[in-house]
Amino acid sequence: MTVQVKRVREARADGDGTRVLVDRLWPRGLAKTDADHDQWLRDVAPSGELRKWFSHDPAKYDEFARRYRAELEVEPAVSALTSLRDTAGPLTLLTATKDVDHSHARVLAEVLSTAGST
């Protein structure tokens, strides 16, 4: 499965395939009619508690990734993850996070790209 991560405000490009917003909260300042996405899958996002603990601090990223992977092993994340795995063709995970390299979307892309991760 080809999986990439982009910011939600990035324009659709050739090769994006299915574009799925994977944030729990709708991106601030973005009208739903302006977002170029095919689906919004909240249940695959980290819990509010984990998101607040992480607070986008790169120093906490490794522990955040470990905890988030654990959350992906229980419902409703399991069903949401299965839905993403069943996507035909390329998949683009969208997030409002500014630092996509230290984001849940990056962890999620790794999980989806690695067979048997969850």
Protein backbone atom coordinates (compact mmCIF):
# COMPACT_ATOMS: atom_id res chain seq x y z
CA MET A 1 0.00 0.00 0.00
CA THR A 2 1.31 3.42 -0.97
CA VAL A 3 0.71 5.86 1.89
CA GLN A 4 1.76 9.49 2.12
CA VAL A 5 1.12 12.28 4.61
CA LYS A 6 0.18 15.83 3.71
CA ARG A 7 -1.20 18.87 5.41
CA VAL A 8 -4.94 19.21 4.90
CA ARG A 9 -4.55 22.60 3.21
CA GLU A 10 -2.30 21.19 0.48
CA ALA A 11 -3.95 20.98 -2.92
CA ARG A 12 -4.78 17.60 -4.39
CA ALA A 13 -2.05 16.28 -6.64
CA ASP A 14 -1.77 13.46 -9.14
CA GLY A 15 -1.02 10.29 -7.24
CA ASP A 16 -2.80 11.31 -4.02
CA GLY A 17 -5.44 8.65 -4.49
CA THR A 18 -7.94 8.62 -1.64
CA ARG A 19 -7.44 11.59 0.69
CA VAL A 20 -8.50 10.93 4.29
CA LEU A 21 -8.45 13.48 7.10
CA VAL A 22 -7.21 11.61 10.18
CA ASP A 23 -7.52 14.34 12.85
CA ARG A 24 -9.99 13.96 15.71
CA LEU A 25 -10.95 17.65 15.54
CA TRP A 26 -11.86 19.58 12.41
CA PRO A 27 -8.96 21.88 11.39
CA ARG A 28 -9.33 25.35 12.80
CA GLY A 29 -10.08 28.04 10.24
CA LEU A 30 -10.90 25.62 7.42
CA ALA A 31 -14.44 25.46 6.10
CA LYS A 32 -15.65 21.92 5.48
CA THR A 33 -16.55 22.93 1.93
CA ASP A 34 -12.94 24.09 1.32
CA ALA A 35 -11.23 20.88 2.39
CA ASP A 36 -10.32 18.66 -0.56
CA HIS A 37 -10.76 15.28 1.10
CA ASP A 38 -12.67 12.09 0.38
CA GLN A 39 -13.32 11.03 3.97
CA TRP A 40 -12.89 12.20 7.57
CA LEU A 41 -11.96 9.29 9.83
CA ARG A 42 -11.89 10.60 13.42
CA ASP A 43 -11.74 7.19 15.08
CA VAL A 44 -8.21 6.52 13.85
CA ALA A 45 -6.87 9.69 15.52
CA PRO A 46 -5.19 9.64 18.94
CA SER A 47 -7.40 10.10 21.98
CA GLY A 48 -7.88 13.61 23.27
CA GLU A 49 -5.95 12.68 26.40
CA LEU A 50 -2.93 11.46 24.41
CA ARG A 51 -3.07 14.43 22.05
CA LYS A 52 -3.05 16.87 24.97
CA TRP A 53 -0.21 15.03 26.72
CA PHE A 54 1.91 15.07 23.55
CA SER A 55 1.20 18.74 22.82
CA HIS A 56 3.26 18.45 19.59
CA ASP A 57 6.51 18.29 21.61
CA PRO A 58 9.13 16.53 19.42
CA ALA A 59 10.96 15.42 22.59
CA LYS A 60 7.90 13.30 23.49
CA TYR A 61 7.46 11.85 19.99
CA ASP A 62 8.88 8.36 20.58
CA GLU A 63 6.71 7.80 23.66
CA PHE A 64 3.73 9.36 21.88
CA ALA A 65 4.20 6.97 18.94
CA ARG A 66 4.36 3.98 21.32
CA ARG A 67 1.17 5.03 23.13
CA TYR A 68 -0.63 5.84 19.89
CA ARG A 69 0.24 2.43 18.41
CA ALA A 70 -1.31 0.87 21.54
CA GLU A 71 -4.49 2.92 20.99
CA LEU A 72 -4.66 1.62 17.41
CA GLU A 73 -5.04 -1.91 18.80
CA VAL A 74 -8.45 -1.29 20.41
CA GLU A 75 -11.86 -0.27 19.10
CA PRO A 76 -12.96 1.98 17.54
CA ALA A 77 -9.47 2.52 16.08
CA VAL A 78 -9.20 -1.12 14.92
CA SER A 79 -12.25 -0.75 12.66
CA ALA A 80 -11.04 2.61 11.34
CA LEU A 81 -7.61 1.16 10.64
CA THR A 82 -9.21 -1.76 8.78
CA SER A 83 -11.16 0.72 6.69
CA LEU A 84 -7.93 2.46 5.71
CA ARG A 85 -6.22 -0.84 4.91
CA ASP A 86 -9.13 -1.74 2.62
CA THR A 87 -8.62 1.42 0.55
CA ALA A 88 -7.80 0.60 -3.06
CA GLY A 89 -4.90 2.44 -4.64
CA PRO A 90 -2.77 5.20 -3.14
CA LEU A 91 -3.76 6.71 0.20
CA THR A 92 -3.00 10.22 1.42
CA LEU A 93 -3.43 10.89 5.13
CA LEU A 94 -4.33 14.50 5.81
CA THR A 95 -3.64 16.39 9.02
CA ALA A 96 -3.72 19.98 10.18
CA THR A 97 -0.53 19.42 12.17
CA LYS A 98 2.28 21.74 11.10
CA ASP A 99 5.08 19.28 11.92
CA VAL A 100 4.00 16.20 9.97
CA ASP A 101 7.29 14.42 10.70
CA HIS A 102 6.36 14.37 14.42
CA SER A 103 2.66 13.65 14.05
CA HIS A 104 0.14 10.89 14.53
CA ALA A 105 -0.35 10.85 10.76
CA ARG A 106 3.30 9.84 10.29
CA VAL A 107 2.91 7.02 12.86
CA LEU A 108 -0.29 5.93 11.15
CA ALA A 109 1.41 5.89 7.74
CA GLU A 110 4.15 3.67 9.18
CA VAL A 111 1.58 1.29 10.67
CA LEU A 112 -0.30 1.06 7.37
CA SER A 113 2.90 0.54 5.38
CA THR A 114 4.18 -2.24 7.64
CA ALA A 115 2.33 -5.53 7.37
CA GLY A 116 1.29 -7.04 10.70
CA SER A 117 2.01 -3.94 12.78
CA THR A 118 -1.24 -4.01 14.66
